[in-house]
Amino acid sequence: MIATPRPLPAVESLLSDGGTAGPAKATLYVVIGFARGRERRRSGWHRLAEQGFASRRPAEEHAARLLARGRADGVILARQELGPDADAAEEPVILARHGELPAELLES
């Protein structure tokens, strides 16, 4: 007996969300490190490159490593909600501050 193949669903139905779901959002956890200038020519605070993470725990671990290894004197951990458009990002929320930070970044 030969089986007849089942018809495949249309591509549009596979890609469609049915119009019921809202726009996709993602959460990004950002670690920003700050280091004091230790050379005479580079005095003052320097901002290190930001690192982004998809979940909070790896971001916290990275912040702790920056401090423990002496790569940063202080870190800020923030959460940013991202929308599908570049303009849809919300203001970041500071979750934690650790170590020494520039005066303008300390809590008021």
PDB file of N, CA and C in Angstrom:
ATOM      1  N   MET A   1       0.845  -1.167   0.000  1.00  0.00           N
ATOM      2  CA  MET A   1       0.000   0.000   0.000  1.00  0.00           C
ATOM      3  C   MET A   1       0.895   1.236   0.000  1.00  0.00           C
ATOM      4  N   ILE A   2       0.627   2.164  -0.861  1.00  0.00           N
ATOM      5  CA  ILE A   2       1.394   3.395  -0.984  1.00  0.00           C
ATOM      6  C   ILE A   2       0.661   4.491  -0.227  1.00  0.00           C
ATOM      7  N   ALA A   3       1.400   5.147   0.657  1.00  0.00           N
ATOM      8  CA  ALA A   3       0.786   6.224   1.437  1.00  0.00           C
ATOM      9  C   ALA A   3       0.773   7.499   0.613  1.00  0.00           C
ATOM     10  N   THR A   4      -0.321   8.188   0.684  1.00  0.00           N
ATOM     11  CA  THR A   4      -0.403   9.466  -0.018  1.00  0.00           C
ATOM     12  C   THR A   4       0.177  10.548   0.884  1.00  0.00           C
ATOM     13  N   PRO A   5       1.008  11.427   0.347  1.00  0.00           N
ATOM     14  CA  PRO A   5       1.616  12.459   1.181  1.00  0.00           C
ATOM     15  C   PRO A   5       0.576  13.456   1.666  1.00  0.00           C
ATOM     16  N   ARG A   6       0.772  13.902   2.904  1.00  0.00           N
ATOM     17  CA  ARG A   6      -0.118  14.923   3.462  1.00  0.00           C
ATOM     18  C   ARG A   6       0.267  16.282   2.894  1.00  0.00           C
ATOM     19  N   PRO A   7      -0.697  17.137   2.664  1.00  0.00           N
ATOM     20  CA  PRO A   7      -0.358  18.471   2.169  1.00  0.00           C
ATOM     21  C   PRO A   7       0.356  19.263   3.264  1.00  0.00           C
ATOM     22  N   LEU A   8       1.359  20.021   2.866  1.00  0.00           N
ATOM     23  CA  LEU A   8       2.108  20.853   3.803  1.00  0.00           C
ATOM     24  C   LEU A   8       1.351  22.152   4.046  1.00  0.00           C
ATOM     25  N   PRO A   9       1.462  22.721   5.246  1.00  0.00           N
ATOM     26  CA  PRO A   9       0.806  24.002   5.501  1.00  0.00           C
ATOM     27  C   PRO A   9       1.465  25.100   4.672  1.00  0.00           C
ATOM     28  N   ALA A  10       0.702  26.092   4.363  1.00  0.00           N
ATOM     29  CA  ALA A  10       1.227  27.216   3.597  1.00  0.00           C
ATOM     30  C   ALA A  10       2.301  27.936   4.402  1.00  0.00           C
ATOM     31  N   VAL A  11       3.278  28.475   3.704  1.00  0.00           N
ATOM     32  CA  VAL A  11       4.370  29.173   4.375  1.00  0.00           C
ATOM     33  C   VAL A  11       3.827  30.337   5.197  1.00  0.00           C
ATOM     34  N   GLU A  12       2.841  31.034   4.706  1.00  0.00           N
ATOM     35  CA  GLU A  12       2.284  32.169   5.429  1.00  0.00           C
ATOM     36  C   GLU A  12       1.750  31.746   6.788  1.00  0.00           C
ATOM     37  N   SER A  13       1.150  30.569   6.873  1.00  0.00           N
ATOM     38  CA  SER A  13       0.599  30.137   8.156  1.00  0.00           C
ATOM     39  C   SER A  13       1.700  29.773   9.145  1.00  0.00           C
ATOM     40  N   LEU A  14       2.854  29.324   8.659  1.00  0.00           N
ATOM     41  CA  LEU A  14       3.959  29.010   9.557  1.00  0.00           C
ATOM     42  C   LEU A  14       4.609  30.268  10.117  1.00  0.00           C
ATOM     43  N   LEU A  15       4.671  31.320   9.324  1.00  0.00           N
ATOM     44  CA  LEU A  15       5.333  32.543   9.738  1.00  0.00           C
ATOM     45  C   LEU A  15       4.407  33.504  10.461  1.00  0.00           C
ATOM     46  N   SER A  16       3.130  33.295  10.349  1.00  0.00           N
ATOM     47  CA  SER A  16       2.175  34.225  10.935  1.00  0.00           C
ATOM     48  C   SER A  16       2.042  33.986  12.425  1.00  0.00           C
ATOM     49  N   ASP A  17       1.898  35.076  13.174  1.00  0.00           N
ATOM     50  CA  ASP A  17       1.665  34.933  14.606  1.00  0.00           C
ATOM     51  C   ASP A  17       0.177  35.027  14.916  1.00  0.00           C
ATOM     52  N   GLY A  18      -0.625  35.096  13.892  1.00  0.00           N
ATOM     53  CA  GLY A  18      -2.062  35.152  14.083  1.00  0.00           C
ATOM     54  C   GLY A  18      -2.547  36.523  14.514  1.00  0.00           C
ATOM     55  N   GLY A  19      -1.644  37.472  14.638  1.00  0.00           N
ATOM     56  CA  GLY A  19      -2.050  38.821  15.012  1.00  0.00           C
ATOM     57  C   GLY A  19      -2.407  38.963  16.480  1.00  0.00           C
ATOM     58  N   THR A  20      -2.196  37.933  17.287  1.00  0.00           N
ATOM     59  CA  THR A  20      -2.604  38.005  18.686  1.00  0.00           C
ATOM     60  C   THR A  20      -1.473  38.458  19.610  1.00  0.00           C
ATOM     61  N   ALA A  21      -0.248  38.195  19.225  1.00  0.00           N
ATOM     62  CA  ALA A  21       0.864  38.551  20.102  1.00  0.00           C
ATOM     63  C   ALA A  21       1.266  40.006  19.880  1.00  0.00           C
ATOM     64  N   GLY A  22       1.744  40.634  20.946  1.00  0.00           N
ATOM     65  CA  GLY A  22       2.222  42.003  20.854  1.00  0.00           C
ATOM     66  C   GLY A  22       3.644  42.021  20.324  1.00  0.00           C
ATOM     67  N   PRO A  23       4.208  43.211  20.248  1.00  0.00           N
ATOM     68  CA  PRO A  23       5.576  43.298  19.759  1.00  0.00           C
ATOM     69  C   PRO A  23       6.547  42.589  20.709  1.00  0.00           C
ATOM     70  N   ALA A  24       7.552  41.971  20.136  1.00  0.00           N
ATOM     71  CA  ALA A  24       8.527  41.234  20.932  1.00  0.00           C
ATOM     72  C   ALA A  24       9.408  42.203  21.704  1.00  0.00           C
ATOM     73  N   LYS A  25       9.693  41.867  22.954  1.00  0.00           N
ATOM     74  CA  LYS A  25      10.597  42.654  23.783  1.00  0.00           C
ATOM     75  C   LYS A  25      11.674  41.730  24.325  1.00  0.00           C
ATOM     76  N   ALA A  26      12.815  42.306  24.548  1.00  0.00           N
ATOM     77  CA  ALA A  26      13.923  41.555  25.130  1.00  0.00           C
ATOM     78  C   ALA A  26      14.504  42.372  26.276  1.00  0.00           C
ATOM     79  N   THR A  27      15.074  41.680  27.230  1.00  0.00           N
ATOM     80  CA  THR A  27      15.727  42.340  28.352  1.00  0.00           C
ATOM     81  C   THR A  27      17.220  42.142  28.216  1.00  0.00           C
ATOM     82  N   LEU A  28      17.960  43.226  28.354  1.00  0.00           N
ATOM     83  CA  LEU A  28      19.411  43.192  28.285  1.00  0.00           C
ATOM     84  C   LEU A  28      19.959  43.695  29.613  1.00  0.00           C
ATOM     85  N   TYR A  29      20.872  42.934  30.193  1.00  0.00           N
ATOM     86  CA  TYR A  29      21.537  43.341  31.433  1.00  0.00           C
ATOM     87  C   TYR A  29      22.913  43.854  31.045  1.00  0.00           C
ATOM     88  N   VAL A  30      23.209  45.076  31.442  1.00  0.00           N
ATOM     89  CA  VAL A  30      24.430  45.746  31.013  1.00  0.00           C
ATOM     90  C   VAL A  30      25.330  46.004  32.218  1.00  0.00           C
ATOM     91  N   VAL A  31      26.604  45.674  32.066  1.00  0.00           N
ATOM     92  CA  VAL A  31      27.617  45.947  33.085  1.00  0.00           C
ATOM     93  C   VAL A  31      28.520  47.054  32.540  1.00  0.00           C
ATOM     94  N   ILE A  32      28.639  48.133  33.301  1.00  0.00           N
ATOM     95  CA  ILE A  32      29.496  49.252  32.921  1.00  0.00           C
ATOM     96  C   ILE A  32      30.546  49.404  34.006  1.00  0.00           C
ATOM     97  N   GLY A  33      31.792  49.277  33.633  1.00  0.00           N
ATOM     98  CA  GLY A  33      32.886  49.402  34.586  1.00  0.00           C
ATOM     99  C   GLY A  33      33.531  50.776  34.500  1.00  0.00           C
ATOM    100  N   PHE A  34      34.080  51.217  35.627  1.00  0.00           N
ATOM    101  CA  PHE A  34      34.782  52.497  35.701  1.00  0.00           C
ATOM    102  C   PHE A  34      36.109  52.271  36.407  1.00  0.00           C
ATOM    103  N   ALA A  35      37.171  52.865  35.854  1.00  0.00           N
ATOM    104  CA  ALA A  35      38.507  52.732  36.441  1.00  0.00           C
ATOM    105  C   ALA A  35      39.132  54.111  36.588  1.00  0.00           C
ATOM    106  N   ARG A  36      39.847  54.260  37.669  1.00  0.00           N
ATOM    107  CA  ARG A  36      40.597  55.502  37.875  1.00  0.00           C
ATOM    108  C   ARG A  36      41.837  55.471  36.992  1.00  0.00           C
ATOM    109  N   GLY A  37      42.175  56.638  36.438  1.00  0.00           N
ATOM    110  CA  GLY A  37      43.417  56.740  35.674  1.00  0.00           C
ATOM    111  C   GLY A  37      44.600  56.639  36.614  1.00  0.00           C
ATOM    112  N   ARG A  38      45.505  55.736  36.334  1.00  0.00           N
ATOM    113  CA  ARG A  38      46.636  55.507  37.222  1.00  0.00           C
ATOM    114  C   ARG A  38      47.926  56.117  36.691  1.00  0.00           C
ATOM    115  N   GLU A  39      47.904  56.562  35.461  1.00  0.00           N
ATOM    116  CA  GLU A  39      49.080  57.199  34.879  1.00  0.00           C
ATOM    117  C   GLU A  39      48.923  58.706  34.975  1.00  0.00           C
ATOM    118  N   ARG A  40      50.040  59.396  35.008  1.00  0.00           N
ATOM    119  CA  ARG A  40      49.990  60.847  35.143  1.00  0.00           C
ATOM    120  C   ARG A  40      49.226  61.491  33.987  1.00  0.00           C
ATOM    121  N   ARG A  41      49.393  60.973  32.783  1.00  0.00           N
ATOM    122  CA  ARG A  41      48.727  61.559  31.611  1.00  0.00           C
ATOM    123  C   ARG A  41      47.239  61.226  31.561  1.00  0.00           C
ATOM    124  N   ARG A  42      46.814  60.223  32.279  1.00  0.00           N
ATOM    125  CA  ARG A  42      45.421  59.771  32.185  1.00  0.00           C
ATOM    126  C   ARG A  42      44.744  59.824  33.536  1.00  0.00           C
ATOM    127  N   SER A  43      44.788  60.950  34.184  1.00  0.00           N
ATOM    128  CA  SER A  43      44.152  61.053  35.490  1.00  0.00           C
ATOM    129  C   SER A  43      42.641  61.182  35.319  1.00  0.00           C
ATOM    130  N   GLY A  44      41.917  60.923  36.381  1.00  0.00           N
ATOM    131  CA  GLY A  44      40.462  60.983  36.330  1.00  0.00           C
ATOM    132  C   GLY A  44      39.861  59.605  36.081  1.00  0.00           C
ATOM    133  N   TRP A  45      38.567  59.559  35.870  1.00  0.00           N
ATOM    134  CA  TRP A  45      37.838  58.298  35.674  1.00  0.00           C
ATOM    135  C   TRP A  45      37.748  57.959  34.197  1.00  0.00           C
ATOM    136  N   HIS A  46      37.804  56.657  33.909  1.00  0.00           N
ATOM    137  CA  HIS A  46      37.650  56.169  32.541  1.00  0.00           C
ATOM    138  C   HIS A  46      36.551  55.117  32.530  1.00  0.00           C
ATOM    139  N   ARG A  47      35.673  55.244  31.579  1.00  0.00           N
ATOM    140  CA  ARG A  47      34.582  54.279  31.428  1.00  0.00           C
ATOM    141  C   ARG A  47      35.073  53.126  30.571  1.00  0.00           C
ATOM    142  N   LEU A  48      34.887  51.910  31.053  1.00  0.00           N
ATOM    143  CA  LEU A  48      35.271  50.720  30.302  1.00  0.00           C
ATOM    144  C   LEU A  48      34.162  50.361  29.322  1.00  0.00           C
ATOM    145  N   ALA A  49      34.476  49.517  28.376  1.00  0.00           N
ATOM    146  CA  ALA A  49      33.484  49.079  27.397  1.00  0.00           C
ATOM    147  C   ALA A  49      32.330  48.360  28.095  1.00  0.00           C
ATOM    148  N   GLU A  50      31.128  48.642  27.654  1.00  0.00           N
ATOM    149  CA  GLU A  50      29.947  47.988  28.225  1.00  0.00           C
ATOM    150  C   GLU A  50      29.892  46.539  27.768  1.00  0.00           C
ATOM    151  N   GLN A  51      29.368  45.698  28.640  1.00  0.00           N
ATOM    152  CA  GLN A  51      29.145  44.294  28.311  1.00  0.00           C
ATOM    153  C   GLN A  51      27.675  44.000  28.521  1.00  0.00           C
ATOM    154  N   GLY A  52      27.019  43.391  27.538  1.00  0.00           N
ATOM    155  CA  GLY A  52      25.608  43.062  27.637  1.00  0.00           C
ATOM    156  C   GLY A  52      25.393  41.566  27.811  1.00  0.00           C
ATOM    157  N   PHE A  53      24.378  41.215  28.594  1.00  0.00           N
ATOM    158  CA  PHE A  53      24.065  39.818  28.876  1.00  0.00           C
ATOM    159  C   PHE A  53      22.559  39.601  28.774  1.00  0.00           C
ATOM    160  N   ALA A  54      22.161  38.397  28.404  1.00  0.00           N
ATOM    161  CA  ALA A  54      20.745  38.073  28.248  1.00  0.00           C
ATOM    162  C   ALA A  54      20.063  37.776  29.580  1.00  0.00           C
ATOM    163  N   SER A  55      20.842  37.469  30.621  1.00  0.00           N
ATOM    164  CA  SER A  55      20.239  37.215  31.926  1.00  0.00           C
ATOM    165  C   SER A  55      21.083  37.871  33.020  1.00  0.00           C
ATOM    166  N   ARG A  56      20.483  38.014  34.186  1.00  0.00           N
ATOM    167  CA  ARG A  56      21.101  38.788  35.254  1.00  0.00           C
ATOM    168  C   ARG A  56      22.312  38.092  35.885  1.00  0.00           C
ATOM    169  N   ARG A  57      22.224  36.793  36.112  1.00  0.00           N
ATOM    170  CA  ARG A  57      23.301  36.093  36.824  1.00  0.00           C
ATOM    171  C   ARG A  57      24.650  36.228  36.124  1.00  0.00           C
ATOM    172  N   PRO A  58      24.774  35.971  34.815  1.00  0.00           N
ATOM    173  CA  PRO A  58      26.079  36.163  34.169  1.00  0.00           C
ATOM    174  C   PRO A  58      26.561  37.614  34.236  1.00  0.00           C
ATOM    175  N   ALA A  59      25.648  38.562  34.212  1.00  0.00           N
ATOM    176  CA  ALA A  59      26.028  39.972  34.325  1.00  0.00           C
ATOM    177  C   ALA A  59      26.608  40.249  35.711  1.00  0.00           C
ATOM    178  N   GLU A  60      25.971  39.726  36.751  1.00  0.00           N
ATOM    179  CA  GLU A  60      26.485  39.909  38.110  1.00  0.00           C
ATOM    180  C   GLU A  60      27.853  39.256  38.276  1.00  0.00           C
ATOM    181  N   GLU A  61      28.027  38.069  37.691  1.00  0.00           N
ATOM    182  CA  GLU A  61      29.305  37.372  37.783  1.00  0.00           C
ATOM    183  C   GLU A  61      30.407  38.148  37.058  1.00  0.00           C
ATOM    184  N   HIS A  62      30.085  38.724  35.903  1.00  0.00           N
ATOM    185  CA  HIS A  62      31.061  39.519  35.163  1.00  0.00           C
ATOM    186  C   HIS A  62      31.459  40.759  35.967  1.00  0.00           C
ATOM    187  N   ALA A  63      30.487  41.425  36.568  1.00  0.00           N
ATOM    188  CA  ALA A  63      30.771  42.603  37.390  1.00  0.00           C
ATOM    189  C   ALA A  63      31.697  42.236  38.548  1.00  0.00           C
ATOM    190  N   ALA A  64      31.427  41.119  39.189  1.00  0.00           N
ATOM    191  CA  ALA A  64      32.258  40.669  40.307  1.00  0.00           C
ATOM    192  C   ALA A  64      33.687  40.362  39.839  1.00  0.00           C
ATOM    193  N   ARG A  65      33.830  39.754  38.652  1.00  0.00           N
ATOM    194  CA  ARG A  65      35.161  39.452  38.121  1.00  0.00           C
ATOM    195  C   ARG A  65      35.942  40.731  37.815  1.00  0.00           C
ATOM    196  N   LEU A  66      35.258  41.729  37.241  1.00  0.00           N
ATOM    197  CA  LEU A  66      35.935  42.999  36.953  1.00  0.00           C
ATOM    198  C   LEU A  66      36.532  43.603  38.220  1.00  0.00           C
ATOM    199  N   LEU A  67      35.762  43.569  39.299  1.00  0.00           N
ATOM    200  CA  LEU A  67      36.238  44.119  40.565  1.00  0.00           C
ATOM    201  C   LEU A  67      37.334  43.250  41.184  1.00  0.00           C
ATOM    202  N   ALA A  68      37.126  41.941  41.190  1.00  0.00           N
ATOM    203  CA  ALA A  68      38.073  41.022  41.831  1.00  0.00           C
ATOM    204  C   ALA A  68      39.429  41.031  41.140  1.00  0.00           C
ATOM    205  N   ARG A  69      39.446  41.174  39.835  1.00  0.00           N
ATOM    206  CA  ARG A  69      40.704  41.159  39.077  1.00  0.00           C
ATOM    207  C   ARG A  69      41.354  42.530  38.976  1.00  0.00           C
ATOM    208  N   GLY A  70      40.707  43.544  39.548  1.00  0.00           N
ATOM    209  CA  GLY A  70      41.274  44.882  39.525  1.00  0.00           C
ATOM    210  C   GLY A  70      41.159  45.603  38.200  1.00  0.00           C
ATOM    211  N   ARG A  71      40.336  45.094  37.314  1.00  0.00           N
ATOM    212  CA  ARG A  71      40.159  45.753  36.013  1.00  0.00           C
ATOM    213  C   ARG A  71      39.284  46.982  36.129  1.00  0.00           C
ATOM    214  N   ALA A  72      38.449  47.039  37.162  1.00  0.00           N
ATOM    215  CA  ALA A  72      37.565  48.182  37.391  1.00  0.00           C
ATOM    216  C   ALA A  72      37.594  48.517  38.877  1.00  0.00           C
ATOM    217  N   ASP A  73      37.438  49.804  39.166  1.00  0.00           N
ATOM    218  CA  ASP A  73      37.328  50.237  40.558  1.00  0.00           C
ATOM    219  C   ASP A  73      35.878  50.246  41.007  1.00  0.00           C
ATOM    220  N   GLY A  74      34.973  50.337  40.054  1.00  0.00           N
ATOM    221  CA  GLY A  74      33.550  50.332  40.345  1.00  0.00           C
ATOM    222  C   GLY A  74      32.764  49.865  39.138  1.00  0.00           C
ATOM    223  N   VAL A  75      31.575  49.327  39.388  1.00  0.00           N
ATOM    224  CA  VAL A  75      30.718  48.861  38.296  1.00  0.00           C
ATOM    225  C   VAL A  75      29.270  49.262  38.568  1.00  0.00           C
ATOM    226  N   ILE A  76      28.542  49.390  37.492  1.00  0.00           N
ATOM    227  CA  ILE A  76      27.095  49.603  37.552  1.00  0.00           C
ATOM    228  C   ILE A  76      26.454  48.478  36.774  1.00  0.00           C
ATOM    229  N   LEU A  77      25.417  47.883  37.355  1.00  0.00           N
ATOM    230  CA  LEU A  77      24.630  46.852  36.690  1.00  0.00           C
ATOM    231  C   LEU A  77      23.268  47.459  36.389  1.00  0.00           C
ATOM    232  N   ALA A  78      22.878  47.443  35.118  1.00  0.00           N
ATOM    233  CA  ALA A  78      21.617  48.041  34.706  1.00  0.00           C
ATOM    234  C   ALA A  78      20.818  47.055  33.861  1.00  0.00           C
ATOM    235  N   ARG A  79      19.496  47.272  33.829  1.00  0.00           N
ATOM    236  CA  ARG A  79      18.591  46.467  33.006  1.00  0.00           C
ATOM    237  C   ARG A  79      17.973  47.390  31.968  1.00  0.00           C
ATOM    238  N   GLN A  80      17.949  46.931  30.720  1.00  0.00           N
ATOM    239  CA  GLN A  80      17.368  47.717  29.628  1.00  0.00           C
ATOM    240  C   GLN A  80      16.351  46.852  28.894  1.00  0.00           C
ATOM    241  N   GLU A  81      15.134  47.362  28.769  1.00  0.00           N
ATOM    242  CA  GLU A  81      14.097  46.673  27.996  1.00  0.00           C
ATOM    243  C   GLU A  81      14.199  47.155  26.560  1.00  0.00           C
ATOM    244  N   LEU A  82      14.335  46.224  25.627  1.00  0.00           N
ATOM    245  CA  LEU A  82      14.476  46.558  24.222  1.00  0.00           C
ATOM    246  C   LEU A  82      13.240  46.124  23.460  1.00  0.00           C
ATOM    247  N   GLY A  83      12.785  46.972  22.564  1.00  0.00           N
ATOM    248  CA  GLY A  83      11.652  46.642  21.707  1.00  0.00           C
ATOM    249  C   GLY A  83      12.130  46.238  20.328  1.00  0.00           C
ATOM    250  N   PRO A  84      11.206  45.924  19.436  1.00  0.00           N
ATOM    251  CA  PRO A  84      11.588  45.485  18.099  1.00  0.00           C
ATOM    252  C   PRO A  84      12.204  46.600  17.258  1.00  0.00           C
ATOM    253  N   ASP A  85      11.919  47.846  17.569  1.00  0.00           N
ATOM    254  CA  ASP A  85      12.481  48.970  16.834  1.00  0.00           C
ATOM    255  C   ASP A  85      13.614  49.576  17.644  1.00  0.00           C
ATOM    256  N   ALA A  86      14.537  50.224  16.952  1.00  0.00           N
ATOM    257  CA  ALA A  86      15.650  50.876  17.650  1.00  0.00           C
ATOM    258  C   ALA A  86      15.143  51.977  18.578  1.00  0.00           C
ATOM    259  N   ASP A  87      14.030  52.622  18.229  1.00  0.00           N
ATOM    260  CA  ASP A  87      13.473  53.696  19.046  1.00  0.00           C
ATOM    261  C   ASP A  87      12.653  53.185  20.226  1.00  0.00           C
ATOM    262  N   ALA A  88      12.419  51.883  20.294  1.00  0.00           N
ATOM    263  CA  ALA A  88      11.522  51.331  21.304  1.00  0.00           C
ATOM    264  C   ALA A  88      12.221  50.968  22.610  1.00  0.00           C
ATOM    265  N   ALA A  89      13.497  51.285  22.742  1.00  0.00           N
ATOM    266  CA  ALA A  89      14.204  50.969  23.985  1.00  0.00           C
ATOM    267  C   ALA A  89      13.737  51.899  25.097  1.00  0.00           C
ATOM    268  N   GLU A  90      13.521  51.320  26.273  1.00  0.00           N
ATOM    269  CA  GLU A  90      13.117  52.106  27.434  1.00  0.00           C
ATOM    270  C   GLU A  90      14.357  52.597  28.168  1.00  0.00           C
ATOM    271  N   GLU A  91      14.168  53.526  29.074  1.00  0.00           N
ATOM    272  CA  GLU A  91      15.283  54.032  29.870  1.00  0.00           C
ATOM    273  C   GLU A  91      15.856  52.886  30.706  1.00  0.00           C
ATOM    274  N   PRO A  92      17.191  52.802  30.829  1.00  0.00           N
ATOM    275  CA  PRO A  92      17.768  51.744  31.649  1.00  0.00           C
ATOM    276  C   PRO A  92      17.449  51.950  33.129  1.00  0.00           C
ATOM    277  N   VAL A  93      17.335  50.842  33.835  1.00  0.00           N
ATOM    278  CA  VAL A  93      17.079  50.857  35.273  1.00  0.00           C
ATOM    279  C   VAL A  93      18.346  50.367  35.957  1.00  0.00           C
ATOM    280  N   ILE A  94      18.915  51.170  36.842  1.00  0.00           N
ATOM    281  CA  ILE A  94      20.121  50.762  37.565  1.00  0.00           C
ATOM    282  C   ILE A  94      19.708  49.790  38.662  1.00  0.00           C
ATOM    283  N   LEU A  95      20.291  48.603  38.615  1.00  0.00           N
ATOM    284  CA  LEU A  95      19.976  47.560  39.593  1.00  0.00           C
ATOM    285  C   LEU A  95      20.957  47.552  40.759  1.00  0.00           C
ATOM    286  N   ALA A  96      22.226  47.846  40.479  1.00  0.00           N
ATOM    287  CA  ALA A  96      23.235  47.800  41.546  1.00  0.00           C
ATOM    288  C   ALA A  96      24.427  48.668  41.185  1.00  0.00           C
ATOM    289  N   ARG A  97      25.072  49.186  42.227  1.00  0.00           N
ATOM    290  CA  ARG A  97      26.338  49.910  42.116  1.00  0.00           C
ATOM    291  C   ARG A  97      27.306  49.252  43.092  1.00  0.00           C
ATOM    292  N   HIS A  98      28.517  48.950  42.624  1.00  0.00           N
ATOM    293  CA  HIS A  98      29.514  48.304  43.483  1.00  0.00           C
ATOM    294  C   HIS A  98      30.855  49.008  43.322  1.00  0.00           C
ATOM    295  N   GLY A  99      31.609  49.069  44.404  1.00  0.00           N
ATOM    296  CA  GLY A  99      32.944  49.641  44.363  1.00  0.00           C
ATOM    297  C   GLY A  99      32.919  51.161  44.363  1.00  0.00           C
ATOM    298  N   GLU A 100      34.031  51.746  43.945  1.00  0.00           N
ATOM    299  CA  GLU A 100      34.165  53.198  43.861  1.00  0.00           C
ATOM    300  C   GLU A 100      33.721  53.670  42.492  1.00  0.00           C
ATOM    301  N   LEU A 101      32.925  54.724  42.472  1.00  0.00           N
ATOM    302  CA  LEU A 101      32.405  55.269  41.220  1.00  0.00           C
ATOM    303  C   LEU A 101      32.611  56.766  41.182  1.00  0.00           C
ATOM    304  N   PRO A 102      32.594  57.364  39.993  1.00  0.00           N
ATOM    305  CA  PRO A 102      32.659  58.825  39.913  1.00  0.00           C
ATOM    306  C   PRO A 102      31.513  59.448  40.694  1.00  0.00           C
ATOM    307  N   ALA A 103      31.753  60.618  41.271  1.00  0.00           N
ATOM    308  CA  ALA A 103      30.777  61.279  42.142  1.00  0.00           C
ATOM    309  C   ALA A 103      29.428  61.462  41.470  1.00  0.00           C
ATOM    310  N   GLU A 104      29.409  61.764  40.187  1.00  0.00           N
ATOM    311  CA  GLU A 104      28.128  62.016  39.511  1.00  0.00           C
ATOM    312  C   GLU A 104      27.290  60.754  39.317  1.00  0.00           C
ATOM    313  N   LEU A 105      27.873  59.580  39.567  1.00  0.00           N
ATOM    314  CA  LEU A 105      27.137  58.331  39.426  1.00  0.00           C
ATOM    315  C   LEU A 105      26.709  57.717  40.756  1.00  0.00           C
ATOM    316  N   LEU A 106      27.072  58.368  41.842  1.00  0.00           N
ATOM    317  CA  LEU A 106      26.675  57.854  43.144  1.00  0.00           C
ATOM    318  C   LEU A 106      25.206  58.169  43.383  1.00  0.00           C
ATOM    319  N   GLU A 107      24.573  57.354  44.204  1.00  0.00           N
ATOM    320  CA  GLU A 107      23.156  57.557  44.524  1.00  0.00           C
ATOM    321  C   GLU A 107      22.978  58.887  45.243  1.00  0.00           C
ATOM    322  N   SER A 108      21.889  59.540  44.941  1.00  0.00           N
ATOM    323  CA  SER A 108      21.598  60.819  45.599  1.00  0.00           C
ATOM    324  C   SER A 108      20.846  60.607  46.879  1.00  0.00           C
TER     325      SER A 108
END
